Amino acid sequence: MPVLPVFHYCPFCDAAVLHYPVDRMSGLANNPNWITVETWANGESYEQSAIVEVLMLVCQIRYYAGWASRLHVLTILVDESLHMQTLHEPIGTSLFSYLLGRLDRHGHVTPLP
C-alpha cells in the first residue's frame, strides 16, 4: 500500500496517489448510502449533503492532491461551477492573530505597540 503524501508538499508524482481515491469518490457521489453516512456525520439535511457536502469533499481532496502550489496565489478550477484560490500569507500574521485570540479568550489584556 503506498504511503500518502504530506498535504503541504505534494509533488505531481505523489499526487496521483490521492487522485485515485478522489476519482472513486466522485463516482460514489450519487450513491444514497454514501450520502446517508455523510448526513449522519454532519447532522445536516439529506438534500444539503447530496448537493453540497459530498461534492465539496471531492473538490477539497482534489485541491490537496496538488492542483496548485501553495506558495503562489493561484485560482484552481475544481468543478464547472466552483473554484478555489490559494493565498500566500505571512506566517507571523496568522500566528499573531491566533495568539491574540487565545489571550482574549482567557481575559488577558494585550497591549499593542
PDB file of N, CA and C in Angstrom:
ATOM      1  N   MET A   1       0.843  -1.182   0.000  1.00  0.00           N
ATOM      2  CA  MET A   1       0.000   0.000   0.000  1.00  0.00           C
ATOM      3  C   MET A   1       0.885   1.240   0.000  1.00  0.00           C
ATOM      4  N   PRO A   2       0.660   2.173  -0.915  1.00  0.00           N
ATOM      5  CA  PRO A   2       1.516   3.360  -0.972  1.00  0.00           C
ATOM      6  C   PRO A   2       1.244   4.296   0.199  1.00  0.00           C
ATOM      7  N   VAL A   3       2.277   5.015   0.579  1.00  0.00           N
ATOM      8  CA  VAL A   3       2.158   5.985   1.663  1.00  0.00           C
ATOM      9  C   VAL A   3       1.590   7.273   1.094  1.00  0.00           C
ATOM     10  N   LEU A   4       0.594   7.841   1.758  1.00  0.00           N
ATOM     11  CA  LEU A   4       0.002   9.089   1.282  1.00  0.00           C
ATOM     12  C   LEU A   4       0.978  10.233   1.480  1.00  0.00           C
ATOM     13  N   PRO A   5       1.076  11.144   0.526  1.00  0.00           N
ATOM     14  CA  PRO A   5       2.000  12.266   0.662  1.00  0.00           C
ATOM     15  C   PRO A   5       1.485  13.292   1.662  1.00  0.00           C
ATOM     16  N   VAL A   6       2.400  14.102   2.142  1.00  0.00           N
ATOM     17  CA  VAL A   6       2.034  15.188   3.049  1.00  0.00           C
ATOM     18  C   VAL A   6       1.318  16.250   2.235  1.00  0.00           C
ATOM     19  N   PHE A   7       0.242  16.845   2.799  1.00  0.00           N
ATOM     20  CA  PHE A   7      -0.590  17.745   2.017  1.00  0.00           C
ATOM     21  C   PHE A   7       0.105  19.054   1.676  1.00  0.00           C
ATOM     22  N   HIS A   8       0.982  19.577   2.548  1.00  0.00           N
ATOM     23  CA  HIS A   8       1.571  20.879   2.238  1.00  0.00           C
ATOM     24  C   HIS A   8       2.677  20.770   1.198  1.00  0.00           C
ATOM     25  N   TYR A   9       3.188  19.584   0.932  1.00  0.00           N
ATOM     26  CA  TYR A   9       4.144  19.387  -0.149  1.00  0.00           C
ATOM     27  C   TYR A   9       3.737  18.128  -0.889  1.00  0.00           C
ATOM     28  N   CYS A  10       3.198  18.286  -2.031  1.00  0.00           N
ATOM     29  CA  CYS A  10       2.681  17.147  -2.777  1.00  0.00           C
ATOM     30  C   CYS A  10       3.129  17.265  -4.228  1.00  0.00           C
ATOM     31  N   PRO A  11       4.296  16.703  -4.581  1.00  0.00           N
ATOM     32  CA  PRO A  11       4.706  16.771  -5.980  1.00  0.00           C
ATOM     33  C   PRO A  11       3.744  15.993  -6.868  1.00  0.00           C
ATOM     34  N   PHE A  12       3.829  16.255  -8.152  1.00  0.00           N
ATOM     35  CA  PHE A  12       2.859  15.684  -9.078  1.00  0.00           C
ATOM     36  C   PHE A  12       2.932  14.161  -9.132  1.00  0.00           C
ATOM     37  N   CYS A  13       4.105  13.586  -8.939  1.00  0.00           N
ATOM     38  CA  CYS A  13       4.189  12.121  -8.977  1.00  0.00           C
ATOM     39  C   CYS A  13       3.481  11.508  -7.775  1.00  0.00           C
ATOM     40  N   ASP A  14       3.503  12.192  -6.613  1.00  0.00           N
ATOM     41  CA  ASP A  14       2.796  11.690  -5.440  1.00  0.00           C
ATOM     42  C   ASP A  14       1.321  12.063  -5.456  1.00  0.00           C
ATOM     43  N   ALA A  15       0.953  13.062  -6.217  1.00  0.00           N
ATOM     44  CA  ALA A  15      -0.448  13.485  -6.265  1.00  0.00           C
ATOM     45  C   ALA A  15      -1.335  12.420  -6.894  1.00  0.00           C
ATOM     46  N   ALA A  16      -0.758  11.575  -7.736  1.00  0.00           N
ATOM     47  CA  ALA A  16      -1.548  10.505  -8.350  1.00  0.00           C
ATOM     48  C   ALA A  16      -2.087   9.541  -7.307  1.00  0.00           C
ATOM     49  N   VAL A  17      -1.385   9.431  -6.172  1.00  0.00           N
ATOM     50  CA  VAL A  17      -1.858   8.564  -5.090  1.00  0.00           C
ATOM     51  C   VAL A  17      -3.172   9.090  -4.540  1.00  0.00           C
ATOM     52  N   LEU A  18      -3.347  10.411  -4.501  1.00  0.00           N
ATOM     53  CA  LEU A  18      -4.582  10.999  -3.994  1.00  0.00           C
ATOM     54  C   LEU A  18      -5.660  11.114  -5.068  1.00  0.00           C
ATOM     55  N   HIS A  19      -5.271  11.181  -6.328  1.00  0.00           N
ATOM     56  CA  HIS A  19      -6.277  11.313  -7.388  1.00  0.00           C
ATOM     57  C   HIS A  19      -7.090  10.035  -7.571  1.00  0.00           C
ATOM     58  N   TYR A  20      -6.501   8.881  -7.315  1.00  0.00           N
ATOM     59  CA  TYR A  20      -7.239   7.626  -7.489  1.00  0.00           C
ATOM     60  C   TYR A  20      -8.439   7.531  -6.551  1.00  0.00           C
ATOM     61  N   PRO A  21      -8.282   7.758  -5.213  1.00  0.00           N
ATOM     62  CA  PRO A  21      -9.484   7.694  -4.368  1.00  0.00           C
ATOM     63  C   PRO A  21     -10.503   8.781  -4.685  1.00  0.00           C
ATOM     64  N   VAL A  22     -10.037   9.934  -5.157  1.00  0.00           N
ATOM     65  CA  VAL A  22     -10.976  11.007  -5.495  1.00  0.00           C
ATOM     66  C   VAL A  22     -11.822  10.607  -6.700  1.00  0.00           C
ATOM     67  N   ASP A  23     -11.208   9.977  -7.676  1.00  0.00           N
ATOM     68  CA  ASP A  23     -11.985   9.512  -8.824  1.00  0.00           C
ATOM     69  C   ASP A  23     -13.002   8.457  -8.413  1.00  0.00           C
ATOM     70  N   ARG A  24     -12.633   7.601  -7.468  1.00  0.00           N
ATOM     71  CA  ARG A  24     -13.588   6.604  -6.962  1.00  0.00           C
ATOM     72  C   ARG A  24     -14.713   7.281  -6.179  1.00  0.00           C
ATOM     73  N   MET A  25     -14.376   8.310  -5.383  1.00  0.00           N
ATOM     74  CA  MET A  25     -15.385   9.010  -4.586  1.00  0.00           C
ATOM     75  C   MET A  25     -16.332   9.810  -5.466  1.00  0.00           C
ATOM     76  N   SER A  26     -15.827  10.386  -6.549  1.00  0.00           N
ATOM     77  CA  SER A  26     -16.713  11.151  -7.422  1.00  0.00           C
ATOM     78  C   SER A  26     -17.737  10.238  -8.094  1.00  0.00           C
ATOM     79  N   GLY A  27     -17.391   8.980  -8.298  1.00  0.00           N
ATOM     80  CA  GLY A  27     -18.364   8.029  -8.816  1.00  0.00           C
ATOM     81  C   GLY A  27     -19.411   7.653  -7.783  1.00  0.00           C
ATOM     82  N   LEU A  28     -19.053   7.747  -6.498  1.00  0.00           N
ATOM     83  CA  LEU A  28     -19.986   7.420  -5.421  1.00  0.00           C
ATOM     84  C   LEU A  28     -20.805   8.619  -4.963  1.00  0.00           C
ATOM     85  N   ALA A  29     -20.630   9.768  -5.587  1.00  0.00           N
ATOM     86  CA  ALA A  29     -21.315  10.984  -5.127  1.00  0.00           C
ATOM     87  C   ALA A  29     -22.831  10.871  -5.246  1.00  0.00           C
ATOM     88  N   ASN A  30     -23.329  10.049  -6.136  1.00  0.00           N
ATOM     89  CA  ASN A  30     -24.775   9.876  -6.291  1.00  0.00           C
ATOM     90  C   ASN A  30     -25.301   8.636  -5.577  1.00  0.00           C
ATOM     91  N   ASN A  31     -24.436   7.963  -4.829  1.00  0.00           N
ATOM     92  CA  ASN A  31     -24.837   6.765  -4.100  1.00  0.00           C
ATOM     93  C   ASN A  31     -25.611   7.163  -2.843  1.00  0.00           C
ATOM     94  N   PRO A  32     -26.838   6.677  -2.653  1.00  0.00           N
ATOM     95  CA  PRO A  32     -27.622   7.089  -1.478  1.00  0.00           C
ATOM     96  C   PRO A  32     -27.007   6.650  -0.155  1.00  0.00           C
ATOM     97  N   ASN A  33     -26.296   5.523  -0.132  1.00  0.00           N
ATOM     98  CA  ASN A  33     -25.654   5.097   1.116  1.00  0.00           C
ATOM     99  C   ASN A  33     -24.546   6.060   1.526  1.00  0.00           C
ATOM    100  N   TRP A  34     -23.773   6.507   0.560  1.00  0.00           N
ATOM    101  CA  TRP A  34     -22.684   7.459   0.825  1.00  0.00           C
ATOM    102  C   TRP A  34     -23.251   8.778   1.356  1.00  0.00           C
ATOM    103  N   ILE A  35     -24.333   9.240   0.767  1.00  0.00           N
ATOM    104  CA  ILE A  35     -24.956  10.496   1.197  1.00  0.00           C
ATOM    105  C   ILE A  35     -25.576  10.339   2.583  1.00  0.00           C
ATOM    106  N   THR A  36     -26.132   9.175   2.885  1.00  0.00           N
ATOM    107  CA  THR A  36     -26.708   8.936   4.208  1.00  0.00           C
ATOM    108  C   THR A  36     -25.642   8.966   5.292  1.00  0.00           C
ATOM    109  N   VAL A  37     -24.506   8.358   5.041  1.00  0.00           N
ATOM    110  CA  VAL A  37     -23.410   8.386   6.020  1.00  0.00           C
ATOM    111  C   VAL A  37     -22.925   9.813   6.229  1.00  0.00           C
ATOM    112  N   GLU A  38     -22.822  10.586   5.168  1.00  0.00           N
ATOM    113  CA  GLU A  38     -22.414  11.987   5.292  1.00  0.00           C
ATOM    114  C   GLU A  38     -23.456  12.789   6.065  1.00  0.00           C
ATOM    115  N   THR A  39     -24.725  12.488   5.892  1.00  0.00           N
ATOM    116  CA  THR A  39     -25.787  13.166   6.638  1.00  0.00           C
ATOM    117  C   THR A  39     -25.692  12.854   8.123  1.00  0.00           C
ATOM    118  N   TRP A  40     -25.443  11.603   8.461  1.00  0.00           N
ATOM    119  CA  TRP A  40     -25.298  11.226   9.872  1.00  0.00           C
ATOM    120  C   TRP A  40     -24.075  11.884  10.492  1.00  0.00           C
ATOM    121  N   ALA A  41     -22.997  11.999   9.741  1.00  0.00           N
ATOM    122  CA  ALA A  41     -21.766  12.579  10.280  1.00  0.00           C
ATOM    123  C   ALA A  41     -21.905  14.079  10.511  1.00  0.00           C
ATOM    124  N   ASN A  42     -22.620  14.783   9.639  1.00  0.00           N
ATOM    125  CA  ASN A  42     -22.725  16.240   9.733  1.00  0.00           C
ATOM    126  C   ASN A  42     -23.909  16.711  10.548  1.00  0.00           C
ATOM    127  N   GLY A  43     -24.982  15.950  10.554  1.00  0.00           N
ATOM    128  CA  GLY A  43     -26.200  16.413  11.199  1.00  0.00           C
ATOM    129  C   GLY A  43     -26.978  17.388  10.342  1.00  0.00           C
ATOM    130  N   GLU A  44     -26.684  17.418   9.053  1.00  0.00           N
ATOM    131  CA  GLU A  44     -27.383  18.308   8.132  1.00  0.00           C
ATOM    132  C   GLU A  44     -28.479  17.531   7.413  1.00  0.00           C
ATOM    133  N   SER A  45     -29.234  18.233   6.620  1.00  0.00           N
ATOM    134  CA  SER A  45     -30.313  17.570   5.890  1.00  0.00           C
ATOM    135  C   SER A  45     -29.742  16.700   4.768  1.00  0.00           C
ATOM    136  N   TYR A  46     -30.547  15.760   4.329  1.00  0.00           N
ATOM    137  CA  TYR A  46     -30.133  14.843   3.267  1.00  0.00           C
ATOM    138  C   TYR A  46     -29.884  15.594   1.965  1.00  0.00           C
ATOM    139  N   GLU A  47     -30.732  16.574   1.674  1.00  0.00           N
ATOM    140  CA  GLU A  47     -30.582  17.336   0.430  1.00  0.00           C
ATOM    141  C   GLU A  47     -29.288  18.136   0.423  1.00  0.00           C
ATOM    142  N   GLN A  48     -28.951  18.751   1.563  1.00  0.00           N
ATOM    143  CA  GLN A  48     -27.726  19.542   1.619  1.00  0.00           C
ATOM    144  C   GLN A  48     -26.496  18.646   1.501  1.00  0.00           C
ATOM    145  N   SER A  49     -26.542  17.483   2.109  1.00  0.00           N
ATOM    146  CA  SER A  49     -25.420  16.557   1.970  1.00  0.00           C
ATOM    147  C   SER A  49     -25.272  16.082   0.535  1.00  0.00           C
ATOM    148  N   ALA A  50     -26.397  15.847  -0.138  1.00  0.00           N
ATOM    149  CA  ALA A  50     -26.341  15.358  -1.516  1.00  0.00           C
ATOM    150  C   ALA A  50     -25.860  16.432  -2.476  1.00  0.00           C
ATOM    151  N   ILE A  51     -26.287  17.664  -2.258  1.00  0.00           N
ATOM    152  CA  ILE A  51     -25.977  18.730  -3.210  1.00  0.00           C
ATOM    153  C   ILE A  51     -24.626  19.376  -2.928  1.00  0.00           C
ATOM    154  N   VAL A  52     -24.310  19.591  -1.644  1.00  0.00           N
ATOM    155  CA  VAL A  52     -23.138  20.394  -1.308  1.00  0.00           C
ATOM    156  C   VAL A  52     -21.997  19.578  -0.715  1.00  0.00           C
ATOM    157  N   GLU A  53     -22.255  18.849   0.353  1.00  0.00           N
ATOM    158  CA  GLU A  53     -21.182  18.306   1.174  1.00  0.00           C
ATOM    159  C   GLU A  53     -20.339  17.248   0.462  1.00  0.00           C
ATOM    160  N   VAL A  54     -20.972  16.301  -0.193  1.00  0.00           N
ATOM    161  CA  VAL A  54     -20.219  15.231  -0.843  1.00  0.00           C
ATOM    162  C   VAL A  54     -19.395  15.789  -1.994  1.00  0.00           C
ATOM    163  N   LEU A  55     -19.965  16.703  -2.759  1.00  0.00           N
ATOM    164  CA  LEU A  55     -19.226  17.295  -3.872  1.00  0.00           C
ATOM    165  C   LEU A  55     -18.084  18.179  -3.385  1.00  0.00           C
ATOM    166  N   MET A  56     -18.290  18.888  -2.271  1.00  0.00           N
ATOM    167  CA  MET A  56     -17.213  19.715  -1.722  1.00  0.00           C
ATOM    168  C   MET A  56     -16.074  18.864  -1.176  1.00  0.00           C
ATOM    169  N   LEU A  57     -16.386  17.699  -0.648  1.00  0.00           N
ATOM    170  CA  LEU A  57     -15.344  16.793  -0.180  1.00  0.00           C
ATOM    171  C   LEU A  57     -14.459  16.350  -1.336  1.00  0.00           C
ATOM    172  N   VAL A  58     -15.069  16.030  -2.455  1.00  0.00           N
ATOM    173  CA  VAL A  58     -14.304  15.639  -3.635  1.00  0.00           C
ATOM    174  C   VAL A  58     -13.445  16.802  -4.119  1.00  0.00           C
ATOM    175  N   CYS A  59     -14.002  18.010  -4.150  1.00  0.00           N
ATOM    176  CA  CYS A  59     -13.249  19.186  -4.593  1.00  0.00           C
ATOM    177  C   CYS A  59     -12.095  19.495  -3.649  1.00  0.00           C
ATOM    178  N   GLN A  60     -12.305  19.336  -2.358  1.00  0.00           N
ATOM    179  CA  GLN A  60     -11.252  19.634  -1.396  1.00  0.00           C
ATOM    180  C   GLN A  60     -10.091  18.652  -1.526  1.00  0.00           C
ATOM    181  N   ILE A  61     -10.380  17.386  -1.708  1.00  0.00           N
ATOM    182  CA  ILE A  61      -9.293  16.420  -1.856  1.00  0.00           C
ATOM    183  C   ILE A  61      -8.567  16.631  -3.177  1.00  0.00           C
ATOM    184  N   ARG A  62      -9.291  17.017  -4.227  1.00  0.00           N
ATOM    185  CA  ARG A  62      -8.613  17.359  -5.483  1.00  0.00           C
ATOM    186  C   ARG A  62      -7.684  18.555  -5.300  1.00  0.00           C
ATOM    187  N   TYR A  63      -8.096  19.511  -4.485  1.00  0.00           N
ATOM    188  CA  TYR A  63      -7.255  20.673  -4.203  1.00  0.00           C
ATOM    189  C   TYR A  63      -5.980  20.243  -3.486  1.00  0.00           C
ATOM    190  N   TYR A  64      -6.124  19.388  -2.473  1.00  0.00           N
ATOM    191  CA  TYR A  64      -4.955  18.942  -1.732  1.00  0.00           C
ATOM    192  C   TYR A  64      -4.086  17.983  -2.530  1.00  0.00           C
ATOM    193  N   ALA A  65      -4.614  17.407  -3.575  1.00  0.00           N
ATOM    194  CA  ALA A  65      -3.853  16.454  -4.368  1.00  0.00           C
ATOM    195  C   ALA A  65      -2.846  17.129  -5.283  1.00  0.00           C
ATOM    196  N   GLY A  66      -2.756  18.423  -5.236  1.00  0.00           N
ATOM    197  CA  GLY A  66      -1.703  19.083  -5.975  1.00  0.00           C
ATOM    198  C   GLY A  66      -2.146  19.800  -7.219  1.00  0.00           C
ATOM    199  N   TRP A  67      -3.349  20.339  -7.243  1.00  0.00           N
ATOM    200  CA  TRP A  67      -3.775  21.099  -8.404  1.00  0.00           C
ATOM    201  C   TRP A  67      -3.067  22.436  -8.474  1.00  0.00           C
ATOM    202  N   ALA A  68      -2.510  22.887  -7.376  1.00  0.00           N
ATOM    203  CA  ALA A  68      -1.777  24.149  -7.375  1.00  0.00           C
ATOM    204  C   ALA A  68      -0.743  24.131  -6.273  1.00  0.00           C
ATOM    205  N   SER A  69       0.262  24.946  -6.451  1.00  0.00           N
ATOM    206  CA  SER A  69       1.273  25.091  -5.415  1.00  0.00           C
ATOM    207  C   SER A  69       0.764  26.061  -4.369  1.00  0.00           C
ATOM    208  N   ARG A  70       1.046  25.782  -3.134  1.00  0.00           N
ATOM    209  CA  ARG A  70       0.555  26.634  -2.061  1.00  0.00           C
ATOM    210  C   ARG A  70       1.386  27.911  -1.936  1.00  0.00           C
ATOM    211  N   LEU A  71       2.534  27.951  -2.557  1.00  0.00           N
ATOM    212  CA  LEU A  71       3.402  29.110  -2.434  1.00  0.00           C
ATOM    213  C   LEU A  71       3.044  30.226  -3.403  1.00  0.00           C
ATOM    214  N   HIS A  72       2.166  29.991  -4.325  1.00  0.00           N
ATOM    215  CA  HIS A  72       1.774  31.006  -5.294  1.00  0.00           C
ATOM    216  C   HIS A  72       0.280  31.256  -5.168  1.00  0.00           C
ATOM    217  N   VAL A  73      -0.134  32.466  -5.500  1.00  0.00           N
ATOM    218  CA  VAL A  73      -1.571  32.764  -5.486  1.00  0.00           C
ATOM    219  C   VAL A  73      -2.141  32.299  -6.822  1.00  0.00           C
ATOM    220  N   LEU A  74      -2.939  31.259  -6.771  1.00  0.00           N
ATOM    221  CA  LEU A  74      -3.497  30.687  -7.981  1.00  0.00           C
ATOM    222  C   LEU A  74      -4.982  30.430  -7.797  1.00  0.00           C
ATOM    223  N   THR A  75      -5.713  30.482  -8.866  1.00  0.00           N
ATOM    224  CA  THR A  75      -7.112  30.087  -8.865  1.00  0.00           C
ATOM    225  C   THR A  75      -7.210  28.745  -9.565  1.00  0.00           C
ATOM    226  N   ILE A  76      -7.825  27.786  -8.895  1.00  0.00           N
ATOM    227  CA  ILE A  76      -7.890  26.434  -9.403  1.00  0.00           C
ATOM    228  C   ILE A  76      -9.333  26.108  -9.742  1.00  0.00           C
ATOM    229  N   LEU A  77      -9.582  25.656 -10.952  1.00  0.00           N
ATOM    230  CA  LEU A  77     -10.917  25.189 -11.318  1.00  0.00           C
ATOM    231  C   LEU A  77     -11.025  23.727 -10.915  1.00  0.00           C
ATOM    232  N   VAL A  78     -11.857  23.443  -9.936  1.00  0.00           N
ATOM    233  CA  VAL A  78     -12.024  22.069  -9.484  1.00  0.00           C
ATOM    234  C   VAL A  78     -13.345  21.479  -9.954  1.00  0.00           C
ATOM    235  N   ASP A  79     -14.221  22.307 -10.450  1.00  0.00           N
ATOM    236  CA  ASP A  79     -15.526  21.853 -10.916  1.00  0.00           C
ATOM    237  C   ASP A  79     -16.008  22.878 -11.937  1.00  0.00           C
ATOM    238  N   GLU A  80     -17.122  22.608 -12.582  1.00  0.00           N
ATOM    239  CA  GLU A  80     -17.633  23.558 -13.565  1.00  0.00           C
ATOM    240  C   GLU A  80     -18.091  24.854 -12.913  1.00  0.00           C
ATOM    241  N   SER A  81     -18.639  24.766 -11.716  1.00  0.00           N
ATOM    242  CA  SER A  81     -19.230  25.944 -11.088  1.00  0.00           C
ATOM    243  C   SER A  81     -18.444  26.444  -9.882  1.00  0.00           C
ATOM    244  N   LEU A  82     -17.346  25.817  -9.538  1.00  0.00           N
ATOM    245  CA  LEU A  82     -16.589  26.194  -8.344  1.00  0.00           C
ATOM    246  C   LEU A  82     -15.145  26.483  -8.699  1.00  0.00           C
ATOM    247  N   HIS A  83     -14.518  27.307  -7.894  1.00  0.00           N
ATOM    248  CA  HIS A  83     -13.074  27.484  -7.977  1.00  0.00           C
ATOM    249  C   HIS A  83     -12.536  27.685  -6.574  1.00  0.00           C
ATOM    250  N   MET A  84     -11.276  27.356  -6.370  1.00  0.00           N
ATOM    251  CA  MET A  84     -10.614  27.564  -5.097  1.00  0.00           C
ATOM    252  C   MET A  84      -9.390  28.418  -5.352  1.00  0.00           C
ATOM    253  N   GLN A  85      -9.029  29.211  -4.370  1.00  0.00           N
ATOM    254  CA  GLN A  85      -7.910  30.121  -4.521  1.00  0.00           C
ATOM    255  C   GLN A  85      -6.930  29.896  -3.384  1.00  0.00           C
ATOM    256  N   THR A  86      -5.656  29.809  -3.730  1.00  0.00           N
ATOM    257  CA  THR A  86      -4.626  29.700  -2.707  1.00  0.00           C
ATOM    258  C   THR A  86      -4.099  31.092  -2.412  1.00  0.00           C
ATOM    259  N   LEU A  87      -3.837  31.366  -1.171  1.00  0.00           N
ATOM    260  CA  LEU A  87      -3.309  32.656  -0.753  1.00  0.00           C
ATOM    261  C   LEU A  87      -1.969  32.461  -0.077  1.00  0.00           C
ATOM    262  N   HIS A  88      -1.047  33.351  -0.363  1.00  0.00           N
ATOM    263  CA  HIS A  88       0.259  33.321   0.284  1.00  0.00           C
ATOM    264  C   HIS A  88       0.247  34.380   1.375  1.00  0.00           C
ATOM    265  N   GLU A  89       0.129  33.940   2.614  1.00  0.00           N
ATOM    266  CA  GLU A  89       0.079  34.866   3.736  1.00  0.00           C
ATOM    267  C   GLU A  89       1.309  34.666   4.602  1.00  0.00           C
ATOM    268  N   PRO A  90       1.819  35.741   5.177  1.00  0.00           N
ATOM    269  CA  PRO A  90       2.950  35.583   6.091  1.00  0.00           C
ATOM    270  C   PRO A  90       2.536  34.771   7.317  1.00  0.00           C
ATOM    271  N   ILE A  91       3.406  33.888   7.741  1.00  0.00           N
ATOM    272  CA  ILE A  91       3.087  33.020   8.875  1.00  0.00           C
ATOM    273  C   ILE A  91       2.945  33.840  10.148  1.00  0.00           C
ATOM    274  N   GLY A  92       3.733  34.897  10.294  1.00  0.00           N
ATOM    275  CA  GLY A  92       3.674  35.709  11.508  1.00  0.00           C
ATOM    276  C   GLY A  92       2.327  36.374  11.706  1.00  0.00           C
ATOM    277  N   THR A  93       1.692  36.808  10.634  1.00  0.00           N
ATOM    278  CA  THR A  93       0.382  37.450  10.744  1.00  0.00           C
ATOM    279  C   THR A  93      -0.669  36.457  11.222  1.00  0.00           C
ATOM    280  N   SER A  94      -0.664  35.283  10.665  1.00  0.00           N
ATOM    281  CA  SER A  94      -1.626  34.266  11.086  1.00  0.00           C
ATOM    282  C   SER A  94      -1.370  33.836  12.520  1.00  0.00           C
ATOM    283  N   LEU A  95      -0.115  33.675  12.883  1.00  0.00           N
ATOM    284  CA  LEU A  95       0.227  33.249  14.237  1.00  0.00           C
ATOM    285  C   LEU A  95      -0.109  34.330  15.245  1.00  0.00           C
ATOM    286  N   PHE A  96       0.082  35.597  14.879  1.00  0.00           N
ATOM    287  CA  PHE A  96      -0.214  36.705  15.786  1.00  0.00           C
ATOM    288  C   PHE A  96      -1.701  36.746  16.125  1.00  0.00           C
ATOM    289  N   SER A  97      -2.553  36.604  15.112  1.00  0.00           N
ATOM    290  CA  SER A  97      -3.993  36.627  15.385  1.00  0.00           C
ATOM    291  C   SER A  97      -4.423  35.397  16.173  1.00  0.00           C
ATOM    292  N   TYR A  98      -3.769  34.273  15.960  1.00  0.00           N
ATOM    293  CA  TYR A  98      -4.086  33.064  16.717  1.00  0.00           C
ATOM    294  C   TYR A  98      -3.746  33.260  18.192  1.00  0.00           C
ATOM    295  N   LEU A  99      -2.595  33.844  18.474  1.00  0.00           N
ATOM    296  CA  LEU A  99      -2.194  34.052  19.868  1.00  0.00           C
ATOM    297  C   LEU A  99      -3.060  35.108  20.542  1.00  0.00           C
ATOM    298  N   LEU A 100      -3.419  36.174  19.817  1.00  0.00           N
ATOM    299  CA  LEU A 100      -4.287  37.188  20.413  1.00  0.00           C
ATOM    300  C   LEU A 100      -5.660  36.618  20.748  1.00  0.00           C
ATOM    301  N   GLY A 101      -6.171  35.766  19.900  1.00  0.00           N
ATOM    302  CA  GLY A 101      -7.466  35.148  20.174  1.00  0.00           C
ATOM    303  C   GLY A 101      -7.439  34.288  21.422  1.00  0.00           C
ATOM    304  N   ARG A 102      -6.351  33.576  21.620  1.00  0.00           N
ATOM    305  CA  ARG A 102      -6.235  32.748  22.827  1.00  0.00           C
ATOM    306  C   ARG A 102      -6.123  33.612  24.074  1.00  0.00           C
ATOM    307  N   LEU A 103      -5.394  34.718  23.981  1.00  0.00           N
ATOM    308  CA  LEU A 103      -5.257  35.592  25.147  1.00  0.00           C
ATOM    309  C   LEU A 103      -6.575  36.273  25.479  1.00  0.00           C
ATOM    310  N   ASP A 104      -7.290  36.730  24.458  1.00  0.00           N
ATOM    311  CA  ASP A 104      -8.577  37.387  24.703  1.00  0.00           C
ATOM    312  C   ASP A 104      -9.604  36.422  25.283  1.00  0.00           C
ATOM    313  N   ARG A 105      -9.531  35.186  24.892  1.00  0.00           N
ATOM    314  CA  ARG A 105     -10.477  34.199  25.394  1.00  0.00           C
ATOM    315  C   ARG A 105     -10.310  33.992  26.901  1.00  0.00           C
ATOM    316  N   HIS A 106      -9.080  34.104  27.379  1.00  0.00           N
ATOM    317  CA  HIS A 106      -8.821  33.896  28.801  1.00  0.00           C
ATOM    318  C   HIS A 106      -8.898  35.183  29.608  1.00  0.00           C
ATOM    319  N   GLY A 107      -9.256  36.294  28.978  1.00  0.00           N
ATOM    320  CA  GLY A 107      -9.463  37.538  29.704  1.00  0.00           C
ATOM    321  C   GLY A 107      -8.216  38.363  29.924  1.00  0.00           C
ATOM    322  N   HIS A 108      -7.154  38.120  29.197  1.00  0.00           N
ATOM    323  CA  HIS A 108      -5.926  38.892  29.350  1.00  0.00           C
ATOM    324  C   HIS A 108      -6.013  40.184  28.546  1.00  0.00           C
ATOM    325  N   VAL A 109      -5.341  41.204  29.031  1.00  0.00           N
ATOM    326  CA  VAL A 109      -5.233  42.469  28.309  1.00  0.00           C
ATOM    327  C   VAL A 109      -3.961  42.409  27.479  1.00  0.00           C
ATOM    328  N   THR A 110      -4.082  42.681  26.190  1.00  0.00           N
ATOM    329  CA  THR A 110      -2.942  42.596  25.290  1.00  0.00           C
ATOM    330  C   THR A 110      -2.582  43.985  24.803  1.00  0.00           C
ATOM    331  N   PRO A 111      -1.463  44.560  25.282  1.00  0.00           N
ATOM    332  CA  PRO A 111      -1.050  45.871  24.764  1.00  0.00           C
ATOM    333  C   PRO A 111      -0.446  45.724  23.373  1.00  0.00           C
ATOM    334  N   LEU A 112      -0.877  46.560  22.456  1.00  0.00           N
ATOM    335  CA  LEU A 112      -0.342  46.540  21.102  1.00  0.00           C
ATOM    336  C   LEU A 112       0.641  47.684  20.939  1.00  0.00           C
ATOM    337  N   PRO A 113       1.759  47.446  20.253  1.00  0.00           N
ATOM    338  CA  PRO A 113       2.753  48.526  20.068  1.00  0.00           C
ATOM    339  C   PRO A 113       2.259  49.606  19.139  1.00  0.00           C
TER     340      PRO A 113
END
